[in-house]
Amino acid sequence: ALRKRWWIFAALAFVFAAYSAAGFLLVPRLARGYIESYVEKDLARHVRIGELSFNPFNFSTEIRDFALTEADGSPLAGFAFLRVDFQTSSLFNRAWTFKEIRLERPDISLIVNTDGSLNLAKLKPADTAPAANPAPAAIPAIRIGTLSVIDGRVGVADRSRGQPFATTLTPIEFT
């Protein structure tokens, strides 16, 4: 009986260790690889991620020093810190539930080009195949305990006018 308990304990310890290792080590590596691949291949842009971490016990993700740039290196968007704290209560609420979403020092460069197009609109990947009568997707319910934006900045440039216009909206802060 003692030997059987030992094997059960060892199996549980192994499962716990494997889950921890996958969550703390594998998930950030896979997420970073997917993000970098998507941005480089599908969006034809560049991305830099300083640090990406995931906690498999409370389902929180933190990203530090994120920067998205055009192919020529001009800035599009970035932030110093993002924390997304997902809640398992989403399973019972039938809504995506977040304890906290915190965004520090977001920086967005919004440019209206001479032809009237928006630089951020180019981030939408091209459709690979036309959909035949797509059913409209339902928007999922979302619950957020705390949403914070701290020290945000939006740079706006309108090059479509006879005389170009540029301004910066800062600081953008709310909770």
Protein backbone atom coordinates (compact mmCIF):
# COMPACT_ATOMS: atom_id res chain seq x y z
CA ALA A 1 0.00 0.00 0.00
CA LEU A 2 2.87 2.36 0.79
CA ARG A 3 4.53 1.57 -2.54
CA LYS A 4 1.27 2.32 -4.41
CA ARG A 5 0.93 5.67 -2.62
CA TRP A 6 4.53 6.48 -3.51
CA TRP A 7 3.84 5.85 -7.22
CA ILE A 8 0.69 7.98 -7.10
CA PHE A 9 2.61 10.77 -5.38
CA ALA A 10 5.46 10.50 -7.91
CA ALA A 11 3.01 10.59 -10.84
CA LEU A 12 1.24 13.64 -9.42
CA ALA A 13 4.57 15.38 -8.80
CA PHE A 14 5.62 14.63 -12.38
CA VAL A 15 2.35 15.99 -13.80
CA PHE A 16 2.67 19.13 -11.65
CA ALA A 17 6.31 19.65 -12.72
CA ALA A 18 5.47 19.08 -16.40
CA TYR A 19 2.52 21.51 -16.23
CA SER A 20 4.69 24.12 -14.50
CA ALA A 21 7.54 23.74 -16.98
CA ALA A 22 5.19 23.90 -19.96
CA GLY A 23 3.43 26.97 -18.59
CA PHE A 24 6.42 28.97 -17.42
CA LEU A 25 8.87 27.97 -20.18
CA LEU A 26 7.11 26.53 -23.22
CA VAL A 27 4.08 28.85 -23.52
CA PRO A 28 6.16 32.08 -23.62
CA ARG A 29 8.56 30.58 -26.17
CA LEU A 30 5.70 29.37 -28.41
CA ALA A 31 3.79 32.66 -28.07
CA ARG A 32 6.88 34.73 -28.93
CA GLY A 33 7.60 32.55 -31.95
CA TYR A 34 4.01 32.75 -33.18
CA ILE A 35 3.82 36.54 -32.74
CA GLU A 36 7.14 37.12 -34.49
CA SER A 37 6.26 34.75 -37.33
CA TYR A 38 2.80 36.28 -37.83
CA VAL A 39 4.09 39.86 -37.87
CA GLU A 40 7.03 39.10 -40.18
CA LYS A 41 5.26 36.79 -42.65
CA ASP A 42 1.59 37.81 -42.64
CA LEU A 43 1.90 41.52 -41.91
CA ALA A 44 5.34 42.15 -43.49
CA ARG A 45 6.32 44.28 -40.49
CA HIS A 46 8.86 43.96 -37.68
CA VAL A 47 8.23 43.27 -34.01
CA ARG A 48 10.42 43.41 -30.92
CA ILE A 49 9.37 41.81 -27.65
CA GLY A 50 11.60 42.51 -24.68
CA GLU A 51 10.16 39.95 -22.27
CA LEU A 52 7.12 37.68 -22.38
CA SER A 53 6.01 35.63 -19.40
CA PHE A 54 3.03 33.43 -18.57
CA ASN A 55 1.92 32.11 -15.19
CA PRO A 56 0.04 28.81 -15.64
CA PHE A 57 -1.41 28.93 -12.13
CA ASN A 58 -3.28 32.24 -12.37
CA PHE A 59 -3.37 32.48 -16.20
CA SER A 60 -1.70 35.89 -16.33
CA THR A 61 0.52 37.09 -19.14
CA GLU A 62 3.00 39.95 -19.03
CA ILE A 63 4.80 41.51 -21.98
CA ARG A 64 7.50 44.15 -21.60
CA ASP A 65 9.04 46.46 -24.18
CA PHE A 66 6.90 45.63 -27.21
CA ALA A 67 7.46 47.54 -30.47
CA LEU A 68 5.75 47.07 -33.83
CA THR A 69 7.40 48.85 -36.76
CA GLU A 70 6.89 49.22 -40.49
CA ALA A 71 9.19 47.29 -42.83
CA ASP A 72 11.34 50.45 -43.10
CA GLY A 73 11.64 50.67 -39.30
CA SER A 74 9.24 53.58 -38.71
CA PRO A 75 7.20 53.07 -35.53
CA LEU A 76 3.58 51.89 -35.62
CA ALA A 77 2.71 50.90 -32.07
CA GLY A 78 4.33 49.79 -28.87
CA PHE A 79 4.13 49.75 -25.13
CA ALA A 80 6.36 49.41 -22.10
CA PHE A 81 4.23 46.90 -20.19
CA LEU A 82 1.06 44.86 -20.69
CA ARG A 83 -0.52 42.59 -18.09
CA VAL A 84 -3.53 40.45 -18.96
CA ASP A 85 -4.92 38.50 -16.01
CA PHE A 86 -7.40 35.96 -17.39
CA GLN A 87 -9.85 34.29 -15.02
CA THR A 88 -10.93 30.65 -15.12
CA SER A 89 -14.38 31.86 -14.08
CA SER A 90 -14.83 32.48 -17.83
CA LEU A 91 -15.85 28.85 -18.03
CA PHE A 92 -18.86 29.50 -15.80
CA ASN A 93 -19.71 33.08 -16.84
CA ARG A 94 -19.95 32.29 -20.56
CA ALA A 95 -17.90 35.45 -21.09
CA TRP A 96 -14.19 36.16 -21.48
CA THR A 97 -13.41 37.32 -17.93
CA PHE A 98 -10.31 39.26 -16.96
CA LYS A 99 -9.36 40.36 -13.47
CA GLU A 100 -7.05 43.03 -14.87
CA ILE A 101 -5.79 44.43 -18.14
CA ARG A 102 -3.04 46.99 -17.59
CA LEU A 103 -1.26 48.85 -20.39
CA GLU A 104 1.64 51.17 -19.55
CA ARG A 105 3.07 53.77 -21.92
CA PRO A 106 1.27 52.71 -25.09
CA ASP A 107 2.53 54.64 -28.11
CA ILE A 108 0.62 54.65 -31.40
CA SER A 109 1.61 56.44 -34.60
CA LEU A 110 -1.49 57.13 -36.67
CA ILE A 111 -0.81 58.43 -40.19
CA VAL A 112 -3.30 59.37 -42.89
CA ASN A 113 -1.33 59.01 -46.13
CA THR A 114 -1.62 61.33 -49.15
CA ASP A 115 -4.07 58.90 -50.81
CA GLY A 116 -6.32 58.97 -47.71
CA SER A 117 -5.36 55.49 -46.52
CA LEU A 118 -4.54 54.85 -42.88
CA ASN A 119 -1.19 53.29 -41.96
CA LEU A 120 -2.77 51.02 -39.33
CA ALA A 121 -5.26 49.67 -41.90
CA LYS A 122 -2.31 47.97 -43.59
CA LEU A 123 -1.99 45.71 -40.55
CA LYS A 124 -5.01 43.74 -41.68
CA PRO A 125 -3.70 40.68 -43.50
CA ALA A 126 -4.86 40.20 -47.07
CA ASP A 127 -7.71 37.74 -47.54
CA THR A 128 -6.31 34.53 -49.00
CA ALA A 129 -9.61 33.14 -50.24
CA PRO A 130 -12.99 34.79 -50.68
CA ALA A 131 -15.61 33.45 -48.30
CA ALA A 132 -18.93 32.37 -49.76
CA ASN A 133 -21.71 33.99 -47.71
CA PRO A 134 -19.88 34.00 -44.38
CA ALA A 135 -22.09 33.82 -41.33
CA PRO A 136 -21.61 36.87 -39.11
CA ALA A 137 -19.49 35.97 -36.11
CA ALA A 138 -21.04 36.62 -32.72
CA ILE A 139 -19.07 38.99 -30.54
CA PRO A 140 -18.16 37.20 -27.31
CA ALA A 141 -19.18 38.73 -24.01
CA ILE A 142 -16.25 40.30 -22.15
CA ARG A 143 -15.94 41.17 -18.46
CA ILE A 144 -12.99 43.20 -17.21
CA GLY A 145 -12.47 43.87 -13.52
CA THR A 146 -9.89 46.66 -13.98
CA LEU A 147 -8.80 48.23 -17.26
CA SER A 148 -5.93 50.70 -16.97
CA VAL A 149 -4.04 52.73 -19.53
CA ILE A 150 -1.15 54.69 -18.07
CA ASP A 151 0.85 57.44 -19.77
CA GLY A 152 -0.43 56.72 -23.28
CA ARG A 153 0.51 58.63 -26.40
CA VAL A 154 -1.05 58.83 -29.88
CA GLY A 155 0.86 60.66 -32.58
CA VAL A 156 -1.43 61.76 -35.43
CA ALA A 157 -0.23 62.95 -38.84
CA ASP A 158 -2.55 63.79 -41.72
CA ARG A 159 -0.66 63.98 -45.00
CA SER A 160 -3.82 63.97 -47.14
CA ARG A 161 -4.47 67.70 -46.62
CA GLY A 162 -3.08 70.53 -48.71
CA GLN A 163 -1.03 71.50 -45.69
CA PRO A 164 0.05 68.45 -43.64
CA PHE A 165 -1.11 68.37 -40.05
CA ALA A 166 0.52 66.66 -37.08
CA THR A 167 -0.24 66.56 -33.38
CA THR A 168 0.30 64.38 -30.35
CA LEU A 169 -2.37 63.36 -27.87
CA THR A 170 -0.75 62.85 -24.49
CA PRO A 171 -1.00 61.86 -21.72
CA ILE A 172 -3.76 59.33 -22.13
CA GLU A 173 -4.65 57.82 -18.77
CA PHE A 174 -7.72 56.12 -17.42
CA THR A 175 -8.80 53.28 -15.15
